[in-house]
Amino acid sequence: MKKHHLAAITTLSLVVAMPAFAGPNWDVIRASEQHASQEHDSQIILPLDHGPRALSTPWINKQEKFEMVSREQKAQSVRVAAHAAKHTKTRTQ
């Protein structure tokens, strides 16, 4: 009877301890890191100051964010145009 209990306890402890021997799932870790970096890149975080001589206010932050987004869109359109010009084959007759 004691041997049955000992075997059951041993089996149960091995089953419970099994995840401790498993290695990390690197595919999941890399995917989550990439997702986190993409999410962080898309967010623009600007300072907010509520002091008596505030250097930053919600209105100023909104204007700066608008300027940053418009500069990025302009840079993106320039990159696309340069890429298209580079890869477009024109025939002259």
N, C-alpha and C. Protein backbone atom coordinates (compact mmCIF):
# COMPACT_ATOMS: atom_id res chain seq x y z
N MET A 1 0.82 -1.18 0.00
CA MET A 1 0.00 0.00 0.00
C MET A 1 0.87 1.25 0.00
N LYS A 2 1.92 1.23 0.82
CA LYS A 2 2.79 2.39 0.88
C LYS A 2 3.54 2.59 -0.44
N LYS A 3 3.83 1.48 -1.14
CA LYS A 3 4.51 1.59 -2.42
C LYS A 3 3.61 2.25 -3.45
N HIS A 4 2.31 2.00 -3.39
CA HIS A 4 1.36 2.62 -4.33
C HIS A 4 1.30 4.13 -4.08
N HIS A 5 1.29 4.50 -2.82
CA HIS A 5 1.27 5.92 -2.48
C HIS A 5 2.57 6.60 -2.92
N LEU A 6 3.68 5.89 -2.71
CA LEU A 6 4.97 6.44 -3.09
C LEU A 6 5.05 6.61 -4.61
N ALA A 7 4.55 5.64 -5.35
CA ALA A 7 4.57 5.73 -6.82
C ALA A 7 3.66 6.86 -7.29
N ALA A 8 2.50 7.01 -6.66
CA ALA A 8 1.58 8.08 -7.04
C ALA A 8 2.18 9.45 -6.73
N ILE A 9 2.79 9.58 -5.59
CA ILE A 9 3.41 10.86 -5.20
C ILE A 9 4.58 11.18 -6.13
N THR A 10 5.38 10.18 -6.46
CA THR A 10 6.51 10.39 -7.36
C THR A 10 6.03 10.81 -8.74
N THR A 11 5.04 10.13 -9.27
CA THR A 11 4.49 10.46 -10.59
C THR A 11 3.89 11.86 -10.59
N LEU A 12 3.14 12.17 -9.56
CA LEU A 12 2.52 13.49 -9.47
C LEU A 12 3.57 14.59 -9.38
N SER A 13 4.61 14.38 -8.61
CA SER A 13 5.66 15.40 -8.48
C SER A 13 6.42 15.57 -9.79
N LEU A 14 6.65 14.49 -10.54
CA LEU A 14 7.30 14.61 -11.84
C LEU A 14 6.43 15.38 -12.84
N VAL A 15 5.14 15.12 -12.82
CA VAL A 15 4.23 15.82 -13.74
C VAL A 15 4.18 17.30 -13.39
N VAL A 16 4.16 17.62 -12.12
CA VAL A 16 4.11 19.02 -11.71
C VAL A 16 5.42 19.73 -12.01
N ALA A 17 6.55 19.03 -11.89
CA ALA A 17 7.85 19.65 -12.11
C ALA A 17 8.25 19.69 -13.58
N MET A 18 7.52 19.03 -14.47
CA MET A 18 7.88 18.96 -15.88
C MET A 18 8.00 20.34 -16.56
N PRO A 19 7.12 21.30 -16.35
CA PRO A 19 7.29 22.60 -17.00
C PRO A 19 8.57 23.32 -16.60
N ALA A 20 9.11 22.99 -15.44
CA ALA A 20 10.35 23.63 -15.02
C ALA A 20 11.52 23.20 -15.89
N PHE A 21 11.43 22.04 -16.52
CA PHE A 21 12.51 21.55 -17.37
C PHE A 21 12.32 21.96 -18.83
N ALA A 22 11.18 22.47 -19.18
CA ALA A 22 10.93 22.89 -20.56
C ALA A 22 11.66 24.20 -20.83
N GLY A 23 12.16 24.35 -22.04
CA GLY A 23 12.87 25.57 -22.42
C GLY A 23 11.90 26.66 -22.86
N PRO A 24 12.42 27.87 -23.05
CA PRO A 24 11.57 28.97 -23.48
C PRO A 24 11.16 28.80 -24.95
N ASN A 25 10.01 29.30 -25.30
CA ASN A 25 9.53 29.25 -26.67
C ASN A 25 10.01 30.52 -27.37
N TRP A 26 11.13 30.43 -28.05
CA TRP A 26 11.78 31.61 -28.62
C TRP A 26 10.95 32.25 -29.73
N ASP A 27 10.17 31.47 -30.46
CA ASP A 27 9.33 32.04 -31.52
C ASP A 27 8.31 33.00 -30.93
N VAL A 28 7.68 32.60 -29.83
CA VAL A 28 6.69 33.45 -29.19
C VAL A 28 7.35 34.70 -28.60
N ILE A 29 8.52 34.54 -28.02
CA ILE A 29 9.23 35.67 -27.43
C ILE A 29 9.62 36.68 -28.50
N ARG A 30 10.17 36.22 -29.63
CA ARG A 30 10.54 37.14 -30.71
C ARG A 30 9.32 37.84 -31.29
N ALA A 31 8.24 37.10 -31.49
CA ALA A 31 7.03 37.71 -32.04
C ALA A 31 6.49 38.79 -31.12
N SER A 32 6.50 38.54 -29.83
CA SER A 32 6.00 39.55 -28.89
C SER A 32 6.93 40.77 -28.84
N GLU A 33 8.24 40.56 -28.97
CA GLU A 33 9.17 41.69 -29.00
C GLU A 33 8.96 42.53 -30.25
N GLN A 34 8.75 41.89 -31.38
CA GLN A 34 8.51 42.63 -32.63
C GLN A 34 7.21 43.40 -32.53
N HIS A 35 6.19 42.77 -31.98
CA HIS A 35 4.90 43.44 -31.84
C HIS A 35 5.03 44.64 -30.90
N ALA A 36 5.77 44.48 -29.83
CA ALA A 36 5.95 45.57 -28.87
C ALA A 36 6.74 46.72 -29.50
N SER A 37 7.76 46.39 -30.29
CA SER A 37 8.55 47.46 -30.91
C SER A 37 7.74 48.19 -31.96
N GLN A 38 6.91 47.48 -32.73
CA GLN A 38 6.07 48.13 -33.73
C GLN A 38 5.03 49.01 -33.05
N GLU A 39 4.49 48.54 -31.97
CA GLU A 39 3.48 49.31 -31.23
C GLU A 39 4.12 50.55 -30.63
N HIS A 40 5.35 50.42 -30.13
CA HIS A 40 6.03 51.56 -29.53
C HIS A 40 6.40 52.60 -30.59
N ASP A 41 6.79 52.15 -31.79
CA ASP A 41 7.17 53.08 -32.84
C ASP A 41 5.98 53.89 -33.33
N SER A 42 4.80 53.31 -33.28
CA SER A 42 3.63 54.01 -33.80
C SER A 42 3.09 55.05 -32.81
N GLN A 43 3.50 54.98 -31.56
CA GLN A 43 3.01 55.91 -30.57
C GLN A 43 3.98 57.09 -30.44
N ILE A 44 3.42 58.29 -30.40
CA ILE A 44 4.22 59.48 -30.18
C ILE A 44 3.87 59.99 -28.80
N ILE A 45 4.85 60.00 -27.92
CA ILE A 45 4.62 60.43 -26.55
C ILE A 45 5.30 61.78 -26.36
N LEU A 46 4.52 62.77 -26.02
CA LEU A 46 5.04 64.11 -25.80
C LEU A 46 4.87 64.49 -24.35
N PRO A 47 5.77 65.34 -23.83
CA PRO A 47 5.66 65.74 -22.42
C PRO A 47 4.46 66.64 -22.18
N LEU A 48 3.98 66.64 -20.97
CA LEU A 48 2.86 67.50 -20.59
C LEU A 48 3.22 68.16 -19.27
N ASP A 49 3.15 69.48 -19.26
CA ASP A 49 3.54 70.24 -18.08
C ASP A 49 2.35 71.10 -17.67
N HIS A 50 1.98 71.04 -16.41
CA HIS A 50 0.86 71.84 -15.90
C HIS A 50 1.33 72.96 -14.98
N GLY A 51 2.61 73.26 -15.00
CA GLY A 51 3.15 74.27 -14.09
C GLY A 51 2.75 75.68 -14.49
N PRO A 52 3.12 76.66 -13.67
CA PRO A 52 2.75 78.05 -13.96
C PRO A 52 3.45 78.58 -15.22
N ARG A 53 4.62 78.07 -15.54
CA ARG A 53 5.32 78.47 -16.76
C ARG A 53 5.49 77.24 -17.64
N ALA A 54 4.39 76.70 -18.07
CA ALA A 54 4.38 75.44 -18.79
C ALA A 54 5.10 75.57 -20.13
N LEU A 55 6.03 74.66 -20.36
CA LEU A 55 6.73 74.61 -21.64
C LEU A 55 5.95 73.77 -22.64
N SER A 56 5.02 72.99 -22.16
CA SER A 56 4.24 72.11 -23.01
C SER A 56 2.80 72.09 -22.52
N THR A 57 1.89 72.23 -23.44
CA THR A 57 0.46 72.17 -23.12
C THR A 57 -0.19 71.19 -24.08
N PRO A 58 -1.42 70.78 -23.82
CA PRO A 58 -2.08 69.88 -24.77
C PRO A 58 -2.17 70.48 -26.18
N TRP A 59 -2.40 71.78 -26.28
CA TRP A 59 -2.50 72.41 -27.60
C TRP A 59 -1.15 72.36 -28.32
N ILE A 60 -0.06 72.67 -27.60
CA ILE A 60 1.28 72.62 -28.20
C ILE A 60 1.62 71.19 -28.61
N ASN A 61 1.28 70.22 -27.76
CA ASN A 61 1.54 68.81 -28.08
C ASN A 61 0.78 68.39 -29.33
N LYS A 62 -0.45 68.85 -29.45
CA LYS A 62 -1.26 68.51 -30.62
C LYS A 62 -0.62 69.08 -31.89
N GLN A 63 -0.14 70.32 -31.81
CA GLN A 63 0.52 70.94 -32.96
C GLN A 63 1.82 70.21 -33.32
N GLU A 64 2.61 69.85 -32.31
CA GLU A 64 3.86 69.16 -32.57
C GLU A 64 3.61 67.77 -33.15
N LYS A 65 2.61 67.09 -32.65
CA LYS A 65 2.28 65.77 -33.18
C LYS A 65 1.84 65.88 -34.63
N PHE A 66 1.03 66.89 -34.95
CA PHE A 66 0.58 67.10 -36.32
C PHE A 66 1.78 67.36 -37.23
N GLU A 67 2.72 68.19 -36.79
CA GLU A 67 3.91 68.48 -37.58
C GLU A 67 4.78 67.23 -37.76
N MET A 68 4.92 66.42 -36.72
CA MET A 68 5.72 65.20 -36.82
C MET A 68 5.10 64.22 -37.80
N VAL A 69 3.78 64.07 -37.73
CA VAL A 69 3.10 63.15 -38.63
C VAL A 69 3.19 63.64 -40.07
N SER A 70 3.01 64.95 -40.30
CA SER A 70 3.09 65.48 -41.66
C SER A 70 4.50 65.35 -42.22
N ARG A 71 5.53 65.56 -41.38
CA ARG A 71 6.91 65.37 -41.85
C ARG A 71 7.16 63.92 -42.21
N GLU A 72 6.65 62.98 -41.41
CA GLU A 72 6.83 61.56 -41.69
C GLU A 72 6.10 61.17 -42.98
N GLN A 73 4.90 61.69 -43.20
CA GLN A 73 4.16 61.40 -44.42
C GLN A 73 4.89 61.96 -45.64
N LYS A 74 5.45 63.16 -45.51
CA LYS A 74 6.19 63.76 -46.61
C LYS A 74 7.43 62.93 -46.92
N ALA A 75 8.15 62.51 -45.89
CA ALA A 75 9.33 61.68 -46.09
C ALA A 75 8.97 60.35 -46.73
N GLN A 76 7.85 59.79 -46.32
CA GLN A 76 7.40 58.52 -46.89
C GLN A 76 7.05 58.70 -48.37
N SER A 77 6.37 59.80 -48.72
CA SER A 77 6.02 60.03 -50.12
C SER A 77 7.27 60.26 -50.97
N VAL A 78 8.28 60.92 -50.40
CA VAL A 78 9.54 61.11 -51.13
C VAL A 78 10.23 59.77 -51.35
N ARG A 79 10.22 58.91 -50.32
CA ARG A 79 10.83 57.59 -50.48
C ARG A 79 10.11 56.76 -51.54
N VAL A 80 8.78 56.82 -51.55
CA VAL A 80 8.01 56.06 -52.53
C VAL A 80 8.27 56.59 -53.93
N ALA A 81 8.31 57.91 -54.08
CA ALA A 81 8.57 58.50 -55.39
C ALA A 81 9.97 58.15 -55.88
N ALA A 82 10.95 58.19 -55.00
CA ALA A 82 12.32 57.84 -55.39
C ALA A 82 12.40 56.37 -55.78
N HIS A 83 11.73 55.52 -55.04
CA HIS A 83 11.72 54.10 -55.35
C HIS A 83 11.04 53.85 -56.70
N ALA A 84 9.92 54.53 -56.94
CA ALA A 84 9.21 54.35 -58.20
C ALA A 84 10.05 54.86 -59.37
N ALA A 85 10.72 56.00 -59.19
CA ALA A 85 11.55 56.54 -60.26
C ALA A 85 12.74 55.63 -60.55
N LYS A 86 13.26 55.00 -59.51
CA LYS A 86 14.41 54.12 -59.68
C LYS A 86 14.03 52.85 -60.43
N HIS A 87 12.81 52.35 -60.18
CA HIS A 87 12.41 51.06 -60.73
C HIS A 87 11.50 51.19 -61.95
N THR A 88 11.23 52.38 -62.41
CA THR A 88 10.40 52.55 -63.59
C THR A 88 11.30 52.55 -64.82
N LYS A 89 10.93 51.72 -65.77
CA LYS A 89 11.72 51.66 -67.01
C LYS A 89 11.01 52.52 -68.04
N THR A 90 11.71 53.49 -68.55
CA THR A 90 11.14 54.34 -69.59
C THR A 90 11.84 54.03 -70.90
N ARG A 91 11.05 54.03 -71.95
CA ARG A 91 11.60 53.75 -73.28
C ARG A 91 11.59 55.05 -74.08
N THR A 92 12.69 55.35 -74.66
CA THR A 92 12.77 56.51 -75.53
C THR A 92 12.96 56.02 -76.95
N GLN A 93 12.21 56.61 -77.86
CA GLN A 93 12.32 56.18 -79.27
C GLN A 93 12.86 57.28 -80.12
